[in-house]
Amino acid sequence: MLDPDRYDDVAETFDRYSERTGFPITECLMEMTQVNCGQHVLDVACGSGIVTRRAVAIVGETGVAVGIDLSPGQIRVAKQKAQETGASSEDFIVMDAMNLTFPANRFDVVVAQFPHFPSRQRCIGEMVRVLKPGGRFAICNGGGGASTWPLKNAPTPANIPKGGVVDSLFRSCLEAHFPQLIARPAGNAPAKTTHPQVSLRNELEQAGLDEIALWSYAYTSPFYAAEEAFEWESLRMSLYRMRHAELDPEKIAAFKADYLDGAQEKLNLHGVLGLTTGALFGTGAKP
């Protein structure tokens, strides 16, 4: 099975950065869905298993957490991480989110953190199908704009001056060197035709969920090396990662040099760089 988003070869590195930068987003998902001891949790598009591993810590030995992903590389890393922790109540399976092989009404909680779905409505429908009546659902993608979730286990904000935040630098350098990439949708997802909040609420309503709510959360992570910041941006921006092999190496080198020059200048001034991970969440319950 091929991974259309091309995470297979970067799974280990992606895990290292995404756990470091996105752990508050995971905590939001756990709180929103009220994950509790003994429950059965499904993590769709689980990647390297960050959300699944957190769910395992909450559900305990009497519960179960399952992670599914289309990327064999991500699942390989997820299993390795599970072996390292010695957890016995989690399982990772290569599976297509558009055709979940679980029976209906199987899980107490179903979540998806930053998934790339070719057909969001179909995948959300599958997630709701395997959710028990009364079960909790949550999905998040990049963005924001809704009310901020009042995270109980919020991390202490890093001391990053406003001038050290480089959230727009990668995209602006990319647009300067590879303008043809900017117009493409991220991952294998179709381009949005309506406002993200409107689209998300409509998707959850069409899936038949009750108690629908939209939330946002953002966390700015500190970086102390321009090379590290570039590496993380190169991985998390799908429109660049997926086309990287097709691009002119000389243009890539020039693009990277521009980014590093800009990032290093800010690092010299402020002693730290900040990269923000923002999320727009949709939550609900199955009737």
Foldseek 3Di string as FASTA:
>chain_A
DDDQLPCQVVLVVLVVVCCQAPVLVLLLQCVQQVQAAQFEEEEEQCFLPSSQVVSCVGNDPNYAYEYEHQHPNRLVNNVVVCVVVVRDRYYYYHDDLLDDPAAFQAGQEYEYEADADQDVLSSVLSRNRNHHAQHKYKYKHFDFDFAADPRPPDDDADPFDPLQECACLLVVLCCVLPVVLVPADAGNYHDDPDDPVVVLVVSCVVSPFAPKDKHKDKGKGKDQALVVVVVNVCPPGSSNVSCVVVDDPVSVVVSSVSSRVVNVVSCVVTVIHIHMGMMMMIMGGHD
